[in-house]
């Protein structure tokens, strides 16, 4: 058993959903983010870009989900369920695509290892060596990340849809919040063009409102959304389902 694996009180809907994730994702586990040495290091590196990385963001590194400590409080069960629903989309996409998901999600920053590997192969040619070293360093800049944008749009669509399913109404203001997130430093400037992100969210909004049928939002399966919708229908919000 992982020493950082956490246990917390879950309501029936959440407990049932976690069991589903355990069946779907081999070795799925929920860990406490502020106890992870890796995430503590990342938090230091990202302090300028995302100062609340440890305390406000749930992070998934397949098959593990790292939760910030505030989400472990009993009164935050609904918020925790939403966070897990969002991360379920990433877990599903990673399960379907394998390690390619990791490369795509981190692209173009993931090209650093490729360029530096090439540099090692041409180490005896100084000009070529330093060219590839420089290209690797250049990859670390906040370039637009098309794959990460697509993956995160899918995750945020889940959060947005879940809220609409539970409240029976669509919150139009969510689009602006998502645009701010994905074009800001918290996601390392995933996209520079706010209009581009908004156009894709307008399409998603039509799906949430039931005005458009989207078989594969962002070109990927809608299965994760169907699973969460089934849990929402089975465990309506505000109904006491016991413990």
Protein backbone atom coordinates (compact mmCIF):
# COMPACT_ATOMS: atom_id res chain seq x y z
CA UNK A 1 0.00 0.00 0.00
CA UNK A 2 1.32 3.44 -0.91
CA UNK A 3 2.31 5.27 2.31
CA UNK A 4 0.66 8.44 1.00
CA UNK A 5 -2.61 6.80 0.03
CA UNK A 6 -5.41 8.64 1.78
CA UNK A 7 -8.73 7.63 3.22
CA UNK A 8 -11.60 10.03 3.74
CA UNK A 9 -15.33 9.96 4.28
CA UNK A 10 -17.24 9.65 1.02
CA UNK A 11 -20.92 9.99 0.26
CA UNK A 12 -22.56 7.11 -1.63
CA UNK A 13 -22.27 8.74 -5.07
CA UNK A 14 -18.59 9.49 -4.64
CA UNK A 15 -17.82 6.08 -3.16
CA UNK A 16 -19.59 4.36 -6.04
CA UNK A 17 -17.76 6.53 -8.58
CA UNK A 18 -14.38 5.77 -7.02
CA UNK A 19 -15.14 2.04 -7.26
CA UNK A 20 -15.96 2.56 -10.93
CA UNK A 21 -12.61 4.29 -11.48
CA UNK A 22 -10.84 1.42 -9.74
CA UNK A 23 -12.49 -1.01 -12.16
CA UNK A 24 -11.76 1.10 -15.24
CA UNK A 25 -8.22 2.26 -14.44
CA UNK A 26 -5.70 -0.40 -13.34
CA UNK A 27 -3.92 0.57 -10.09
CA UNK A 28 -6.00 3.74 -9.71
CA UNK A 29 -5.18 5.49 -6.47
CA UNK A 30 -5.94 8.83 -4.78
CA UNK A 31 -3.03 10.52 -3.04
CA UNK A 32 -2.54 13.69 -1.04
CA UNK A 33 -0.75 16.26 -3.16
CA UNK A 34 1.03 18.15 -0.39
CA UNK A 35 2.71 14.91 0.75
CA UNK A 36 4.23 14.21 -2.65
CA UNK A 37 7.92 15.10 -2.88
CA UNK A 38 7.60 15.35 -6.66
CA UNK A 39 4.75 17.86 -6.49
CA UNK A 40 6.55 19.88 -3.84
CA UNK A 41 9.43 20.29 -6.27
CA UNK A 42 7.05 21.16 -9.11
CA UNK A 43 5.37 23.73 -6.85
CA UNK A 44 8.73 25.43 -6.32
CA UNK A 45 9.48 25.45 -10.07
CA UNK A 46 5.97 26.71 -10.90
CA UNK A 47 5.79 29.26 -8.08
CA UNK A 48 5.89 32.19 -10.49
CA UNK A 49 3.39 30.68 -12.97
CA UNK A 50 1.02 28.96 -10.56
CA UNK A 51 1.62 29.96 -6.91
CA UNK A 52 -1.32 27.89 -5.60
CA UNK A 53 -0.34 24.71 -7.45
CA UNK A 54 -0.28 22.60 -4.28
CA UNK A 55 -3.40 24.01 -2.64
CA UNK A 56 -5.88 24.66 -5.46
CA UNK A 57 -5.18 22.24 -8.31
CA UNK A 58 -5.90 18.53 -8.59
CA UNK A 59 -3.27 16.78 -10.70
CA UNK A 60 -3.35 13.43 -12.45
CA UNK A 61 -0.29 11.39 -13.33
CA UNK A 62 -1.76 8.14 -14.59
CA UNK A 63 -3.01 6.13 -12.74
CA UNK A 64 -2.71 8.44 -9.71
CA UNK A 65 -4.84 11.42 -8.79
CA UNK A 66 -3.31 13.93 -6.37
CA UNK A 67 -5.82 15.97 -4.37
CA UNK A 68 -5.09 19.23 -2.52
CA UNK A 69 -5.73 18.94 1.22
CA UNK A 70 -8.76 21.24 1.24
CA UNK A 71 -10.68 18.79 -0.95
CA UNK A 72 -10.34 16.10 1.72
CA UNK A 73 -12.66 17.89 4.12
CA UNK A 74 -16.04 16.12 4.51
CA UNK A 75 -17.99 19.24 3.53
CA UNK A 76 -16.19 19.34 0.17
CA UNK A 77 -17.56 16.02 -1.05
CA UNK A 78 -19.45 17.57 -3.98
CA UNK A 79 -16.42 19.60 -5.04
CA UNK A 80 -14.24 16.51 -4.75
CA UNK A 81 -16.66 14.55 -6.93
CA UNK A 82 -16.41 17.26 -9.60
CA UNK A 83 -12.62 17.20 -9.42
CA UNK A 84 -12.57 13.42 -9.82
CA UNK A 85 -15.03 13.64 -12.72
CA UNK A 86 -12.71 16.12 -14.46
CA UNK A 87 -9.67 13.92 -13.85
CA UNK A 88 -11.59 10.84 -15.02
CA UNK A 89 -11.58 12.35 -18.52
CA UNK A 90 -7.78 12.61 -18.42
CA UNK A 91 -7.44 9.11 -16.98
CA UNK A 92 -9.66 7.70 -19.72
CA UNK A 93 -7.80 9.52 -22.49
CA UNK A 94 -4.46 8.35 -21.08
CA UNK A 95 -5.70 4.76 -20.85
CA UNK A 96 -6.84 4.89 -24.47
CA UNK A 97 -3.73 6.54 -25.91
CA UNK A 98 -1.00 5.18 -23.67
CA UNK A 99 2.32 7.05 -23.27
CA UNK A 100 1.54 9.05 -26.42
CA UNK A 101 -0.92 11.01 -24.26
CA UNK A 102 1.93 12.21 -22.04
CA UNK A 103 4.01 13.33 -25.02
CA UNK A 104 1.06 15.15 -26.57
CA UNK A 105 -0.07 16.75 -23.34
CA UNK A 106 3.40 18.20 -22.69
CA UNK A 107 4.03 19.12 -26.35
CA UNK A 108 5.92 21.22 -27.40
CA UNK A 109 7.89 21.20 -24.13
CA UNK A 110 8.24 17.42 -24.50
CA UNK A 111 10.43 18.00 -27.57
CA UNK A 112 13.24 19.06 -25.22
CA UNK A 113 14.23 15.43 -24.57
CA UNK A 114 14.17 14.68 -28.30
CA UNK A 115 16.46 17.59 -29.20
CA UNK A 116 18.82 16.91 -26.33
CA UNK A 117 19.01 13.23 -27.28
CA UNK A 118 19.97 14.27 -30.80
CA UNK A 119 22.54 16.65 -29.32
CA UNK A 120 24.21 13.73 -27.54
CA UNK A 121 24.40 11.90 -30.85
CA UNK A 122 26.22 14.80 -32.52
CA UNK A 123 28.35 15.79 -29.54
CA UNK A 124 31.52 15.65 -31.68
CA UNK A 125 30.09 18.29 -34.05
CA UNK A 126 30.09 21.41 -31.83
CA UNK A 127 27.86 23.57 -34.03
CA UNK A 128 25.19 20.89 -34.41
CA UNK A 129 25.48 20.01 -30.73
CA UNK A 130 24.79 23.55 -29.55
CA UNK A 131 22.04 24.06 -32.13
CA UNK A 132 20.09 21.12 -30.72
CA UNK A 133 20.84 22.16 -27.15
CA UNK A 134 19.43 25.59 -27.99
CA UNK A 135 16.36 24.12 -29.67
CA UNK A 136 15.73 22.07 -26.52
CA UNK A 137 15.94 25.15 -24.32
CA UNK A 138 13.63 27.03 -26.69
CA UNK A 139 11.01 24.30 -26.22
CA UNK A 140 10.69 25.30 -22.57
CA UNK A 141 9.15 28.63 -23.51
CA UNK A 142 5.34 29.00 -23.17
CA UNK A 143 4.46 28.06 -26.76
CA UNK A 144 0.85 27.25 -27.69
CA UNK A 145 0.09 23.62 -26.84
CA UNK A 146 -2.67 22.34 -29.16
CA UNK A 147 -2.94 18.86 -27.67
CA UNK A 148 -3.00 20.11 -24.08
CA UNK A 149 -5.68 22.60 -25.06
CA UNK A 150 -7.83 19.82 -26.48
CA UNK A 151 -7.36 17.54 -23.47
CA UNK A 152 -8.12 20.31 -20.99
CA UNK A 153 -11.16 21.46 -22.93
CA UNK A 154 -12.50 17.94 -22.55
CA UNK A 155 -11.83 18.05 -18.83
CA UNK A 156 -13.45 21.44 -18.37
CA UNK A 157 -16.40 20.36 -20.50
CA UNK A 158 -16.98 17.62 -17.94
CA UNK A 159 -16.94 20.13 -15.07
CA UNK A 160 -19.26 22.46 -16.97
CA UNK A 161 -21.67 19.72 -18.02
CA UNK A 162 -21.76 18.23 -14.51
CA UNK A 163 -22.79 21.58 -13.08
CA UNK A 164 -25.52 21.91 -15.71
CA UNK A 165 -26.81 18.38 -15.08
CA UNK A 166 -27.01 19.00 -11.34
CA UNK A 167 -28.52 22.49 -11.41
CA UNK A 168 -30.71 21.94 -14.51
CA UNK A 169 -29.37 25.13 -16.06
CA UNK A 170 -26.32 26.18 -18.06
CA UNK A 171 -24.00 28.76 -16.52
CA UNK A 172 -22.94 30.89 -19.50
CA UNK A 173 -20.33 32.70 -17.44
CA UNK A 174 -18.24 29.53 -17.20
CA UNK A 175 -16.88 30.08 -20.71
CA UNK A 176 -15.02 33.21 -19.64
CA UNK A 177 -13.53 31.40 -16.64
CA UNK A 178 -12.28 28.53 -18.79
CA UNK A 179 -10.81 30.90 -21.36
CA UNK A 180 -8.96 32.76 -18.61
CA UNK A 181 -7.56 29.52 -17.23
CA UNK A 182 -6.38 28.04 -20.52
CA UNK A 183 -4.85 31.25 -21.86
CA UNK A 184 -3.24 32.18 -18.54
CA UNK A 185 -0.05 31.18 -16.76
CA UNK A 186 -1.69 28.47 -14.63
CA UNK A 187 -1.64 26.23 -17.72
CA UNK A 188 1.55 27.80 -19.05
CA UNK A 189 -0.17 29.77 -21.82
CA UNK A 190 -1.71 26.67 -23.38
CA UNK A 191 -3.30 28.93 -25.99
CA UNK A 192 -2.50 32.54 -26.86
CA UNK A 193 -5.76 33.19 -28.71
CA UNK A 194 -8.76 33.73 -26.43
CA UNK A 195 -11.15 33.91 -29.39
CA UNK A 196 -10.05 30.47 -30.57
CA UNK A 197 -10.80 28.92 -27.20
CA UNK A 198 -14.14 30.72 -26.95
CA UNK A 199 -15.24 29.44 -30.38
CA UNK A 200 -14.67 25.86 -29.27
CA UNK A 201 -16.54 26.48 -26.03
CA UNK A 202 -19.52 27.87 -27.94
CA UNK A 203 -19.76 24.53 -29.73
CA UNK A 204 -19.52 22.72 -26.39
CA UNK A 205 -22.24 24.93 -24.94
CA UNK A 206 -24.66 23.85 -27.67
CA UNK A 207 -23.99 20.24 -26.73
CA UNK A 208 -24.59 20.91 -23.04
CA UNK A 209 -27.85 22.69 -23.87
CA UNK A 210 -28.95 19.66 -25.87
CA UNK A 211 -29.03 21.60 -29.14
CA UNK A 212 -26.26 19.63 -30.83
CA UNK A 213 -25.22 16.00 -30.86
CA UNK A 214 -21.46 15.59 -30.53
CA UNK A 215 -20.30 11.99 -30.90
CA UNK A 216 -16.72 12.83 -30.05
CA UNK A 217 -16.04 16.26 -28.58
CA UNK A 218 -12.55 17.40 -29.54
CA UNK A 219 -12.30 14.29 -31.70
CA UNK A 220 -12.34 11.85 -28.79
CA UNK A 221 -14.96 9.54 -27.22
CA UNK A 222 -17.80 10.89 -25.11
CA UNK A 223 -17.85 7.77 -22.92
CA UNK A 224 -16.48 9.58 -19.80
CA UNK A 225 -19.38 12.05 -19.93
CA UNK A 226 -21.95 9.27 -20.27
CA UNK A 227 -20.52 7.55 -17.19
CA UNK A 228 -20.73 10.66 -15.00
CA UNK A 229 -24.21 11.50 -16.31
CA UNK A 230 -25.33 8.05 -15.19
CA UNK A 231 -24.07 8.75 -11.66
CA UNK A 232 -25.83 12.11 -11.61
CA UNK A 233 -29.10 10.44 -12.63
CA UNK A 234 -28.67 7.67 -10.07
CA UNK A 235 -27.72 10.00 -7.22
CA UNK A 236 -29.66 13.28 -7.70
CA UNK A 237 -28.15 16.26 -5.93
CA UNK A 238 -29.89 17.24 -2.70
CA UNK A 239 -31.32 13.76 -2.11
CA UNK A 240 -30.17 11.92 1.01
CA UNK A 241 -28.91 8.56 -0.18
CA UNK A 242 -27.67 7.41 3.23
CA UNK A 243 -24.12 6.46 4.06
